Amino acid sequence: MAIEVRPATEFEDVRTMVGPKRPDANVCWCLSYRIPSKQNQALHGTERGDLMKELVAQDPPPGVLAYDGGEVVGWAAVHPRADTSFAVNRKIPHVDDLEAWSVWCIRVRPGHRGKGISHHLLKGAVELARSHGAAAVEGYPVDNGGRKVDLTMAYVGTRKLFEDAGFTKAADTESILNGFPRVLMRLDLGG
């Protein structure tokens, strides 16, 4: 399997990964952490998709997509922390003043899970951040100690996934997801 990871510049592929089956459904579109909470709560119906379409057209785009052949099979949200709600999140600490990027969502389509695609996505997210001058990349996965994580909550990743990609634990957080503590994992890029 040759997985290719590219910047998320194709809106239809982003829609496949994070959009709803019904265009007017009020679902995340992976915007919950990307935009301020008040703005997110104010969006209804197709407004989330419209905003994501705008973000996909920006440089940098809102994340990366994984492809198996020509089929989109995965998504990872990554952007400068300063442009996300993590900039003001009281439960996720700031480690220092470096221009860090955040990875907050990793998603693999059903039927393609268990093939290591999340590892490719995380590597691709780091490469996108590096190509835009990031000094560091952070993630806020659950520290599940190898125990099963509910699939609806697995989007944040696991500590092991980030460790496998060379990240190290930089701090504990006050955030808990699915009963597991989240940790701040960090990869310094020497930028």
N, C-alpha and C. Protein backbone atom coordinates (compact mmCIF):
# COMPACT_ATOMS: atom_id res chain seq x y z
N MET A 1 0.85 -1.18 0.00
CA MET A 1 0.00 0.00 0.00
C MET A 1 0.89 1.24 0.00
N ALA A 2 0.73 2.09 -0.99
CA ALA A 2 1.50 3.33 -1.07
C ALA A 2 0.58 4.49 -0.69
N ILE A 3 0.70 4.93 0.54
CA ILE A 3 -0.12 6.04 1.02
C ILE A 3 0.61 7.34 0.72
N GLU A 4 -0.11 8.27 0.11
CA GLU A 4 0.44 9.58 -0.19
C GLU A 4 -0.32 10.60 0.65
N VAL A 5 0.42 11.51 1.31
CA VAL A 5 -0.20 12.56 2.11
C VAL A 5 0.10 13.90 1.46
N ARG A 6 -0.97 14.68 1.27
CA ARG A 6 -0.84 15.99 0.60
C ARG A 6 -1.58 17.05 1.40
N PRO A 7 -1.20 18.32 1.24
CA PRO A 7 -1.96 19.40 1.88
C PRO A 7 -3.43 19.32 1.44
N ALA A 8 -4.32 19.67 2.36
CA ALA A 8 -5.76 19.58 2.12
C ALA A 8 -6.24 20.79 1.31
N THR A 9 -6.03 20.71 0.01
CA THR A 9 -6.42 21.81 -0.88
C THR A 9 -7.58 21.44 -1.79
N GLU A 10 -8.10 20.21 -1.67
CA GLU A 10 -9.23 19.75 -2.47
C GLU A 10 -10.47 19.68 -1.58
N PHE A 11 -11.36 20.65 -1.74
CA PHE A 11 -12.52 20.74 -0.86
C PHE A 11 -13.37 19.47 -0.87
N GLU A 12 -13.61 18.89 -2.03
CA GLU A 12 -14.47 17.70 -2.08
C GLU A 12 -13.87 16.55 -1.28
N ASP A 13 -12.54 16.43 -1.27
CA ASP A 13 -11.89 15.38 -0.48
C ASP A 13 -11.99 15.69 1.02
N VAL A 14 -11.87 16.97 1.38
CA VAL A 14 -12.06 17.36 2.78
C VAL A 14 -13.50 17.06 3.19
N ARG A 15 -14.45 17.38 2.33
CA ARG A 15 -15.86 17.09 2.61
C ARG A 15 -16.07 15.60 2.84
N THR A 16 -15.44 14.77 2.02
CA THR A 16 -15.55 13.31 2.19
C THR A 16 -15.08 12.89 3.58
N MET A 17 -14.02 13.53 4.07
CA MET A 17 -13.44 13.12 5.35
C MET A 17 -14.14 13.70 6.57
N VAL A 18 -14.58 14.96 6.52
CA VAL A 18 -15.10 15.60 7.73
C VAL A 18 -16.48 16.22 7.57
N GLY A 19 -17.03 16.16 6.36
CA GLY A 19 -18.35 16.74 6.13
C GLY A 19 -19.46 15.75 6.44
N PRO A 20 -20.68 16.27 6.61
CA PRO A 20 -21.83 15.40 6.92
C PRO A 20 -22.40 14.77 5.65
N LYS A 21 -23.21 13.75 5.85
CA LYS A 21 -23.92 13.16 4.71
C LYS A 21 -24.93 14.15 4.13
N ARG A 22 -25.59 14.90 5.01
CA ARG A 22 -26.53 15.95 4.59
C ARG A 22 -25.81 17.30 4.71
N PRO A 23 -25.74 18.10 3.66
CA PRO A 23 -25.01 19.36 3.69
C PRO A 23 -25.46 20.35 4.76
N ASP A 24 -26.73 20.24 5.20
CA ASP A 24 -27.24 21.19 6.19
C ASP A 24 -27.14 20.67 7.63
N ALA A 25 -26.55 19.49 7.81
CA ALA A 25 -26.43 18.93 9.16
C ALA A 25 -25.42 19.74 9.98
N ASN A 26 -25.74 19.91 11.26
CA ASN A 26 -24.84 20.65 12.15
C ASN A 26 -23.80 19.71 12.75
N VAL A 27 -22.73 19.49 12.02
CA VAL A 27 -21.64 18.66 12.53
C VAL A 27 -20.35 19.47 12.52
N CYS A 28 -19.34 18.92 13.09
CA CYS A 28 -18.10 19.61 13.39
C CYS A 28 -17.37 20.21 12.18
N TRP A 29 -17.23 19.47 11.09
CA TRP A 29 -16.38 19.88 9.95
C TRP A 29 -14.94 20.12 10.40
N CYS A 30 -14.57 19.61 11.57
CA CYS A 30 -13.23 19.79 12.15
C CYS A 30 -12.94 21.27 12.42
N LEU A 31 -13.97 22.00 12.80
CA LEU A 31 -13.82 23.42 13.10
C LEU A 31 -13.86 23.72 14.60
N SER A 32 -14.23 22.76 15.43
CA SER A 32 -14.42 23.00 16.86
C SER A 32 -13.19 23.61 17.53
N TYR A 33 -12.02 23.19 17.13
CA TYR A 33 -10.79 23.74 17.71
C TYR A 33 -10.13 24.77 16.80
N ARG A 34 -10.55 24.81 15.56
CA ARG A 34 -9.90 25.70 14.57
C ARG A 34 -10.35 27.15 14.69
N ILE A 35 -11.61 27.35 15.10
CA ILE A 35 -12.15 28.70 15.18
C ILE A 35 -12.62 28.97 16.62
N PRO A 36 -12.79 30.24 16.98
CA PRO A 36 -13.27 30.55 18.33
C PRO A 36 -14.63 29.90 18.61
N SER A 37 -14.85 29.50 19.85
CA SER A 37 -16.06 28.79 20.24
C SER A 37 -17.32 29.56 19.88
N LYS A 38 -17.34 30.87 20.12
CA LYS A 38 -18.54 31.66 19.80
C LYS A 38 -18.85 31.61 18.31
N GLN A 39 -17.81 31.72 17.49
CA GLN A 39 -18.02 31.65 16.04
C GLN A 39 -18.54 30.27 15.66
N ASN A 40 -17.96 29.22 16.23
CA ASN A 40 -18.37 27.86 15.93
C ASN A 40 -19.83 27.64 16.30
N GLN A 41 -20.24 28.12 17.46
CA GLN A 41 -21.62 27.93 17.91
C GLN A 41 -22.61 28.72 17.08
N ALA A 42 -22.14 29.80 16.46
CA ALA A 42 -23.03 30.65 15.66
C ALA A 42 -23.29 30.07 14.26
N LEU A 43 -22.45 29.12 13.83
CA LEU A 43 -22.60 28.55 12.50
C LEU A 43 -23.70 27.50 12.48
N HIS A 44 -24.56 27.56 11.46
CA HIS A 44 -25.64 26.60 11.33
C HIS A 44 -25.77 26.14 9.88
N GLY A 45 -26.36 24.95 9.75
CA GLY A 45 -26.62 24.43 8.40
C GLY A 45 -25.36 24.35 7.56
N THR A 46 -25.41 24.92 6.39
CA THR A 46 -24.29 24.81 5.44
C THR A 46 -23.16 25.78 5.73
N GLU A 47 -23.30 26.65 6.75
CA GLU A 47 -22.27 27.66 7.03
C GLU A 47 -20.92 27.04 7.41
N ARG A 48 -20.93 25.91 8.10
CA ARG A 48 -19.66 25.26 8.46
C ARG A 48 -18.91 24.80 7.21
N GLY A 49 -19.64 24.17 6.29
CA GLY A 49 -19.03 23.73 5.04
C GLY A 49 -18.53 24.91 4.23
N ASP A 50 -19.29 26.00 4.20
CA ASP A 50 -18.87 27.20 3.49
C ASP A 50 -17.57 27.75 4.07
N LEU A 51 -17.47 27.77 5.41
CA LEU A 51 -16.25 28.26 6.04
C LEU A 51 -15.08 27.33 5.73
N MET A 52 -15.31 26.01 5.80
CA MET A 52 -14.23 25.08 5.50
C MET A 52 -13.75 25.26 4.06
N LYS A 53 -14.67 25.53 3.15
CA LYS A 53 -14.28 25.76 1.76
C LYS A 53 -13.34 26.96 1.65
N GLU A 54 -13.61 28.00 2.43
CA GLU A 54 -12.72 29.18 2.47
C GLU A 54 -11.35 28.80 3.04
N LEU A 55 -11.35 28.01 4.12
CA LEU A 55 -10.08 27.63 4.75
C LEU A 55 -9.23 26.76 3.83
N VAL A 56 -9.88 25.88 3.08
CA VAL A 56 -9.16 25.00 2.15
C VAL A 56 -8.45 25.82 1.07
N ALA A 57 -9.01 26.97 0.73
CA ALA A 57 -8.42 27.82 -0.30
C ALA A 57 -7.27 28.69 0.23
N GLN A 58 -7.07 28.70 1.54
CA GLN A 58 -6.02 29.54 2.14
C GLN A 58 -4.68 28.82 2.16
N ASP A 59 -3.64 29.59 2.36
CA ASP A 59 -2.28 29.05 2.53
C ASP A 59 -1.78 29.51 3.89
N PRO A 60 -1.56 28.62 4.83
CA PRO A 60 -1.65 27.17 4.71
C PRO A 60 -3.09 26.67 4.78
N PRO A 61 -3.33 25.51 4.17
CA PRO A 61 -4.65 24.89 4.25
C PRO A 61 -4.89 24.37 5.68
N PRO A 62 -6.11 23.92 5.98
CA PRO A 62 -6.45 23.52 7.34
C PRO A 62 -5.95 22.15 7.79
N GLY A 63 -5.24 21.45 6.93
CA GLY A 63 -4.75 20.13 7.31
C GLY A 63 -4.16 19.39 6.13
N VAL A 64 -4.07 18.08 6.30
CA VAL A 64 -3.53 17.22 5.25
C VAL A 64 -4.50 16.07 5.00
N LEU A 65 -4.43 15.51 3.80
CA LEU A 65 -5.25 14.37 3.41
C LEU A 65 -4.35 13.21 3.00
N ALA A 66 -4.78 11.99 3.33
CA ALA A 66 -4.06 10.79 2.91
C ALA A 66 -4.84 10.13 1.78
N TYR A 67 -4.09 9.64 0.80
CA TYR A 67 -4.68 8.98 -0.36
C TYR A 67 -4.08 7.60 -0.52
N ASP A 68 -4.93 6.65 -0.84
CA ASP A 68 -4.51 5.30 -1.23
C ASP A 68 -4.90 5.18 -2.69
N GLY A 69 -3.90 5.29 -3.58
CA GLY A 69 -4.20 5.43 -5.00
C GLY A 69 -4.85 6.79 -5.18
N GLY A 70 -5.95 6.87 -5.83
CA GLY A 70 -6.63 8.15 -5.99
C GLY A 70 -7.72 8.40 -4.97
N GLU A 71 -7.91 7.46 -4.03
CA GLU A 71 -9.01 7.56 -3.07
C GLU A 71 -8.56 8.21 -1.76
N VAL A 72 -9.30 9.23 -1.33
CA VAL A 72 -8.98 9.88 -0.05
C VAL A 72 -9.39 8.93 1.08
N VAL A 73 -8.46 8.68 2.01
CA VAL A 73 -8.71 7.72 3.08
C VAL A 73 -8.44 8.29 4.47
N GLY A 74 -7.87 9.51 4.56
CA GLY A 74 -7.57 10.04 5.88
C GLY A 74 -7.43 11.54 5.90
N TRP A 75 -7.54 12.11 7.08
CA TRP A 75 -7.49 13.55 7.32
C TRP A 75 -6.75 13.82 8.62
N ALA A 76 -5.94 14.85 8.65
CA ALA A 76 -5.37 15.35 9.90
C ALA A 76 -5.44 16.87 9.87
N ALA A 77 -6.02 17.44 10.93
CA ALA A 77 -6.09 18.89 11.07
C ALA A 77 -4.79 19.37 11.70
N VAL A 78 -4.18 20.38 11.08
CA VAL A 78 -2.95 20.97 11.62
C VAL A 78 -2.91 22.43 11.21
N HIS A 79 -2.55 23.28 12.16
CA HIS A 79 -2.48 24.71 11.88
C HIS A 79 -1.70 25.38 13.00
N PRO A 80 -1.22 26.61 12.78
CA PRO A 80 -0.55 27.31 13.87
C PRO A 80 -1.44 27.40 15.10
N ARG A 81 -0.88 27.05 16.24
CA ARG A 81 -1.66 27.07 17.49
C ARG A 81 -2.30 28.45 17.70
N ALA A 82 -1.59 29.50 17.34
CA ALA A 82 -2.10 30.86 17.53
C ALA A 82 -3.42 31.09 16.81
N ASP A 83 -3.70 30.32 15.75
CA ASP A 83 -4.93 30.46 14.98
C ASP A 83 -6.02 29.47 15.40
N THR A 84 -5.82 28.80 16.51
CA THR A 84 -6.78 27.80 16.98
C THR A 84 -7.28 28.16 18.37
N SER A 85 -8.28 27.44 18.83
CA SER A 85 -8.77 27.68 20.19
C SER A 85 -7.77 27.19 21.24
N PHE A 86 -6.76 26.43 20.85
CA PHE A 86 -5.72 26.02 21.80
C PHE A 86 -4.89 27.21 22.27
N ALA A 87 -4.94 28.31 21.53
CA ALA A 87 -4.22 29.52 21.93
C ALA A 87 -4.76 30.07 23.25
N VAL A 88 -6.04 29.80 23.53
CA VAL A 88 -6.65 30.32 24.75
C VAL A 88 -7.26 29.22 25.62
N ASN A 89 -6.98 27.97 25.31
CA ASN A 89 -7.53 26.85 26.06
C ASN A 89 -6.89 26.78 27.44
N ARG A 90 -7.69 26.86 28.49
CA ARG A 90 -7.15 26.87 29.85
C ARG A 90 -6.72 25.48 30.33
N LYS A 91 -7.18 24.43 29.66
CA LYS A 91 -6.84 23.08 30.10
C LYS A 91 -5.58 22.53 29.43
N ILE A 92 -5.18 23.15 28.31
CA ILE A 92 -3.98 22.72 27.58
C ILE A 92 -2.92 23.81 27.76
N PRO A 93 -1.84 23.53 28.49
CA PRO A 93 -0.87 24.59 28.79
C PRO A 93 -0.01 24.99 27.58
N HIS A 94 0.59 26.15 27.69
CA HIS A 94 1.62 26.58 26.74
C HIS A 94 2.96 26.18 27.33
N VAL A 95 3.80 25.54 26.54
CA VAL A 95 5.10 25.08 27.03
C VAL A 95 6.11 26.22 26.99
N ASP A 96 6.08 27.01 25.92
CA ASP A 96 7.00 28.14 25.76
C ASP A 96 6.43 29.08 24.70
N ASP A 97 7.23 30.02 24.24
CA ASP A 97 6.75 31.01 23.28
C ASP A 97 7.08 30.68 21.83
N LEU A 98 7.56 29.46 21.58
CA LEU A 98 7.86 29.08 20.19
C LEU A 98 6.58 29.10 19.36
N GLU A 99 6.74 29.36 18.07
CA GLU A 99 5.60 29.34 17.13
C GLU A 99 5.25 27.88 16.85
N ALA A 100 4.46 27.28 17.75
CA ALA A 100 4.09 25.87 17.60
C ALA A 100 2.82 25.74 16.76
N TRP A 101 2.74 24.64 16.05
CA TRP A 101 1.53 24.26 15.33
C TRP A 101 0.85 23.16 16.13
N SER A 102 -0.46 23.05 16.00
CA SER A 102 -1.25 22.04 16.71
C SER A 102 -1.83 21.03 15.73
N VAL A 103 -1.78 19.76 16.12
CA VAL A 103 -2.49 18.68 15.42
C VAL A 103 -3.58 18.24 16.38
N TRP A 104 -4.85 18.38 15.98
CA TRP A 104 -5.92 18.08 16.93
C TRP A 104 -6.92 17.05 16.45
N CYS A 105 -6.81 16.62 15.21
CA CYS A 105 -7.77 15.62 14.73
C CYS A 105 -7.09 14.75 13.69
N ILE A 106 -7.16 13.45 13.88
CA ILE A 106 -6.65 12.48 12.91
C ILE A 106 -7.78 11.51 12.65
N ARG A 107 -8.16 11.41 11.39
CA ARG A 107 -9.32 10.58 11.06
C ARG A 107 -9.01 9.69 9.86
N VAL A 108 -9.34 8.41 9.99
CA VAL A 108 -9.17 7.45 8.91
C VAL A 108 -10.54 6.86 8.60
N ARG A 109 -10.85 6.78 7.31
CA ARG A 109 -12.16 6.27 6.89
C ARG A 109 -12.34 4.80 7.28
N PRO A 110 -13.57 4.44 7.63
CA PRO A 110 -13.86 3.02 7.89
C PRO A 110 -13.46 2.19 6.67
N GLY A 111 -12.96 1.00 6.94
CA GLY A 111 -12.50 0.13 5.86
C GLY A 111 -11.02 0.32 5.55
N HIS A 112 -10.44 1.38 6.12
CA HIS A 112 -9.02 1.66 5.88
C HIS A 112 -8.24 1.73 7.19
N ARG A 113 -8.93 1.52 8.30
CA ARG A 113 -8.28 1.60 9.61
C ARG A 113 -7.43 0.36 9.86
N GLY A 114 -6.46 0.51 10.76
CA GLY A 114 -5.59 -0.61 11.11
C GLY A 114 -4.49 -0.86 10.10
N LYS A 115 -4.27 0.09 9.19
CA LYS A 115 -3.25 -0.07 8.15
C LYS A 115 -2.10 0.93 8.30
N GLY A 116 -2.07 1.65 9.43
CA GLY A 116 -0.99 2.60 9.67
C GLY A 116 -1.18 3.96 9.02
N ILE A 117 -2.38 4.23 8.53
CA ILE A 117 -2.61 5.50 7.83
C ILE A 117 -2.47 6.69 8.79
N SER A 118 -2.86 6.51 10.05
CA SER A 118 -2.72 7.62 11.01
C SER A 118 -1.26 8.02 11.18
N HIS A 119 -0.35 7.06 11.07
CA HIS A 119 1.09 7.38 11.16
C HIS A 119 1.51 8.24 9.97
N HIS A 120 1.02 7.89 8.78
CA HIS A 120 1.31 8.69 7.59
C HIS A 120 0.73 10.10 7.73
N LEU A 121 -0.48 10.20 8.26
CA LEU A 121 -1.12 11.50 8.43
C LEU A 121 -0.35 12.38 9.39
N LEU A 122 0.10 11.82 10.51
CA LEU A 122 0.84 12.62 11.48
C LEU A 122 2.17 13.09 10.88
N LYS A 123 2.83 12.21 10.17
CA LYS A 123 4.08 12.60 9.50
C LYS A 123 3.82 13.71 8.48
N GLY A 124 2.73 13.59 7.71
CA GLY A 124 2.38 14.61 6.73
C GLY A 124 2.03 15.94 7.38
N ALA A 125 1.35 15.89 8.54
CA ALA A 125 1.02 17.11 9.28
C ALA A 125 2.29 17.82 9.73
N VAL A 126 3.26 17.06 10.21
CA VAL A 126 4.55 17.64 10.62
C VAL A 126 5.24 18.27 9.42
N GLU A 127 5.21 17.59 8.28
CA GLU A 127 5.87 18.14 7.08
C GLU A 127 5.20 19.42 6.61
N LEU A 128 3.87 19.51 6.68
CA LEU A 128 3.18 20.74 6.31
C LEU A 128 3.60 21.87 7.24
N ALA A 129 3.63 21.60 8.54
CA ALA A 129 4.03 22.61 9.51
C ALA A 129 5.48 23.06 9.24
N ARG A 130 6.36 22.09 9.03
CA ARG A 130 7.77 22.40 8.76
C ARG A 130 7.90 23.26 7.50
N SER A 131 7.16 22.93 6.46
CA SER A 131 7.27 23.67 5.20
C SER A 131 6.77 25.11 5.33
N HIS A 132 6.02 25.39 6.40
CA HIS A 132 5.54 26.75 6.64
C HIS A 132 6.29 27.41 7.80
N GLY A 133 7.46 26.86 8.16
CA GLY A 133 8.33 27.50 9.14
C GLY A 133 8.01 27.27 10.60
N ALA A 134 7.22 26.26 10.90
CA ALA A 134 6.90 25.98 12.31
C ALA A 134 8.16 25.64 13.08
N ALA A 135 8.23 26.12 14.32
CA ALA A 135 9.35 25.80 15.19
C ALA A 135 9.11 24.48 15.93
N ALA A 136 7.84 24.13 16.11
CA ALA A 136 7.48 22.91 16.83
C ALA A 136 6.06 22.51 16.42
N VAL A 137 5.75 21.24 16.64
CA VAL A 137 4.40 20.73 16.42
C VAL A 137 3.95 20.06 17.71
N GLU A 138 2.71 20.35 18.09
CA GLU A 138 2.14 19.77 19.30
C GLU A 138 0.89 18.96 18.97
N GLY A 139 0.65 17.96 19.79
CA GLY A 139 -0.60 17.21 19.75
C GLY A 139 -1.07 17.03 21.17
N TYR A 140 -2.33 16.73 21.34
CA TYR A 140 -2.93 16.62 22.67
C TYR A 140 -3.70 15.31 22.78
N PRO A 141 -2.99 14.19 22.57
CA PRO A 141 -3.66 12.88 22.54
C PRO A 141 -4.01 12.37 23.93
N VAL A 142 -4.79 11.29 23.94
CA VAL A 142 -5.08 10.62 25.21
C VAL A 142 -3.89 9.73 25.58
N ASP A 143 -3.65 9.65 26.89
CA ASP A 143 -2.64 8.75 27.43
C ASP A 143 -3.40 7.53 27.93
N ASN A 144 -3.69 6.62 26.99
CA ASN A 144 -4.59 5.50 27.28
C ASN A 144 -3.87 4.24 27.75
N GLY A 145 -2.55 4.27 27.83
CA GLY A 145 -1.81 3.11 28.32
C GLY A 145 -2.12 1.83 27.58
N GLY A 146 -2.43 1.94 26.30
CA GLY A 146 -2.71 0.76 25.48
C GLY A 146 -4.15 0.27 25.56
N ARG A 147 -4.95 0.88 26.42
CA ARG A 147 -6.36 0.45 26.52
C ARG A 147 -7.16 1.00 25.35
N LYS A 148 -8.26 0.34 25.04
CA LYS A 148 -9.11 0.71 23.90
C LYS A 148 -9.73 2.08 24.11
N VAL A 149 -9.71 2.87 23.04
CA VAL A 149 -10.33 4.20 23.05
C VAL A 149 -11.55 4.13 22.15
N ASP A 150 -12.67 4.65 22.62
CA ASP A 150 -13.90 4.70 21.83
C ASP A 150 -13.61 5.40 20.50
N LEU A 151 -14.05 4.82 19.39
CA LEU A 151 -13.75 5.38 18.07
C LEU A 151 -14.21 6.82 17.90
N THR A 152 -15.31 7.19 18.56
CA THR A 152 -15.78 8.57 18.42
C THR A 152 -14.86 9.56 19.13
N MET A 153 -14.01 9.07 20.02
CA MET A 153 -13.10 9.94 20.76
C MET A 153 -11.64 9.73 20.33
N ALA A 154 -11.41 8.81 19.42
CA ALA A 154 -10.04 8.47 19.03
C ALA A 154 -9.41 9.52 18.11
N TYR A 155 -10.18 10.51 17.68
CA TYR A 155 -9.67 11.50 16.73
C TYR A 155 -8.47 12.29 17.27
N VAL A 156 -8.30 12.37 18.57
CA VAL A 156 -7.17 13.13 19.12
C VAL A 156 -5.86 12.34 19.05
N GLY A 157 -5.95 11.05 18.77
CA GLY A 157 -4.77 10.21 18.73
C GLY A 157 -4.41 9.69 20.11
N THR A 158 -3.40 8.85 20.13
CA THR A 158 -2.90 8.29 21.39
C THR A 158 -1.46 8.73 21.61
N ARG A 159 -1.06 8.68 22.85
CA ARG A 159 0.33 9.04 23.19
C ARG A 159 1.30 8.19 22.37
N LYS A 160 1.02 6.91 22.23
CA LYS A 160 1.92 6.02 21.49
C LYS A 160 2.05 6.44 20.03
N LEU A 161 0.94 6.82 19.39
CA LEU A 161 1.01 7.29 18.01
C LEU A 161 1.99 8.45 17.89
N PHE A 162 1.90 9.41 18.80
CA PHE A 162 2.78 10.57 18.75
C PHE A 162 4.22 10.19 19.10
N GLU A 163 4.40 9.28 20.07
CA GLU A 163 5.75 8.82 20.40
C GLU A 163 6.39 8.12 19.21
N ASP A 164 5.61 7.31 18.51
CA ASP A 164 6.14 6.61 17.33
C ASP A 164 6.61 7.60 16.26
N ALA A 165 6.04 8.81 16.26
CA ALA A 165 6.42 9.83 15.28
C ALA A 165 7.54 10.73 15.79
N GLY A 166 8.12 10.40 16.96
CA GLY A 166 9.24 11.17 17.48
C GLY A 166 8.87 12.27 18.46
N PHE A 167 7.57 12.40 18.77
CA PHE A 167 7.14 13.40 19.75
C PHE A 167 7.50 12.92 21.16
N THR A 168 7.69 13.86 22.07
CA THR A 168 7.91 13.53 23.47
C THR A 168 6.89 14.27 24.32
N LYS A 169 6.61 13.71 25.49
CA LYS A 169 5.66 14.36 26.39
C LYS A 169 6.30 15.63 26.92
N ALA A 170 5.61 16.76 26.72
CA ALA A 170 6.13 18.05 27.18
C ALA A 170 5.39 18.54 28.42
N ALA A 171 4.15 18.08 28.62
CA ALA A 171 3.39 18.53 29.79
C ALA A 171 2.15 17.68 29.97
N ASP A 172 1.66 17.64 31.19
CA ASP A 172 0.34 17.11 31.47
C ASP A 172 -0.66 18.21 31.13
N THR A 173 -1.92 17.82 30.94
CA THR A 173 -2.97 18.81 30.72
C THR A 173 -4.06 18.56 31.77
N GLU A 174 -5.02 19.45 31.82
CA GLU A 174 -6.17 19.25 32.70
C GLU A 174 -7.35 18.70 31.92
N SER A 175 -7.10 18.32 30.67
CA SER A 175 -8.16 17.81 29.80
C SER A 175 -8.26 16.30 29.91
N ILE A 176 -9.50 15.82 29.94
CA ILE A 176 -9.77 14.37 29.98
C ILE A 176 -10.76 14.07 28.86
N LEU A 177 -10.51 13.01 28.12
CA LEU A 177 -11.39 12.62 27.03
C LEU A 177 -11.63 11.12 27.11
N ASN A 178 -12.89 10.72 27.12
CA ASN A 178 -13.26 9.31 27.18
C ASN A 178 -12.67 8.62 28.41
N GLY A 179 -12.51 9.39 29.50
CA GLY A 179 -11.97 8.84 30.74
C GLY A 179 -10.46 8.80 30.81
N PHE A 180 -9.78 9.20 29.73
CA PHE A 180 -8.32 9.18 29.70
C PHE A 180 -7.76 10.59 29.79
N PRO A 181 -6.66 10.77 30.54
CA PRO A 181 -6.03 12.08 30.55
C PRO A 181 -5.37 12.37 29.19
N ARG A 182 -5.42 13.63 28.80
CA ARG A 182 -4.72 14.04 27.58
C ARG A 182 -3.38 14.62 27.99
N VAL A 183 -2.37 14.38 27.18
CA VAL A 183 -1.04 14.91 27.43
C VAL A 183 -0.62 15.78 26.26
N LEU A 184 0.25 16.73 26.54
CA LEU A 184 0.78 17.58 25.49
C LEU A 184 2.05 16.92 24.94
N MET A 185 1.99 16.46 23.72
CA MET A 185 3.13 15.83 23.06
C MET A 185 3.72 16.84 22.09
N ARG A 186 5.05 16.86 21.98
CA ARG A 186 5.68 17.92 21.21
C ARG A 186 6.88 17.38 20.41
N LEU A 187 7.01 17.94 19.22
CA LEU A 187 8.15 17.64 18.37
C LEU A 187 8.78 18.98 17.99
N ASP A 188 9.98 19.24 18.49
CA ASP A 188 10.67 20.47 18.13
C ASP A 188 11.31 20.29 16.76
N LEU A 189 11.14 21.29 15.90
CA LEU A 189 11.63 21.21 14.53
C LEU A 189 12.91 22.01 14.34
N GLY A 190 13.38 22.63 15.42
CA GLY A 190 14.64 23.37 15.33
C GLY A 190 14.55 24.59 14.45
N GLY A 191 13.32 25.13 14.32
CA GLY A 191 13.09 26.27 13.42
C GLY A 191 13.23 27.60 14.06
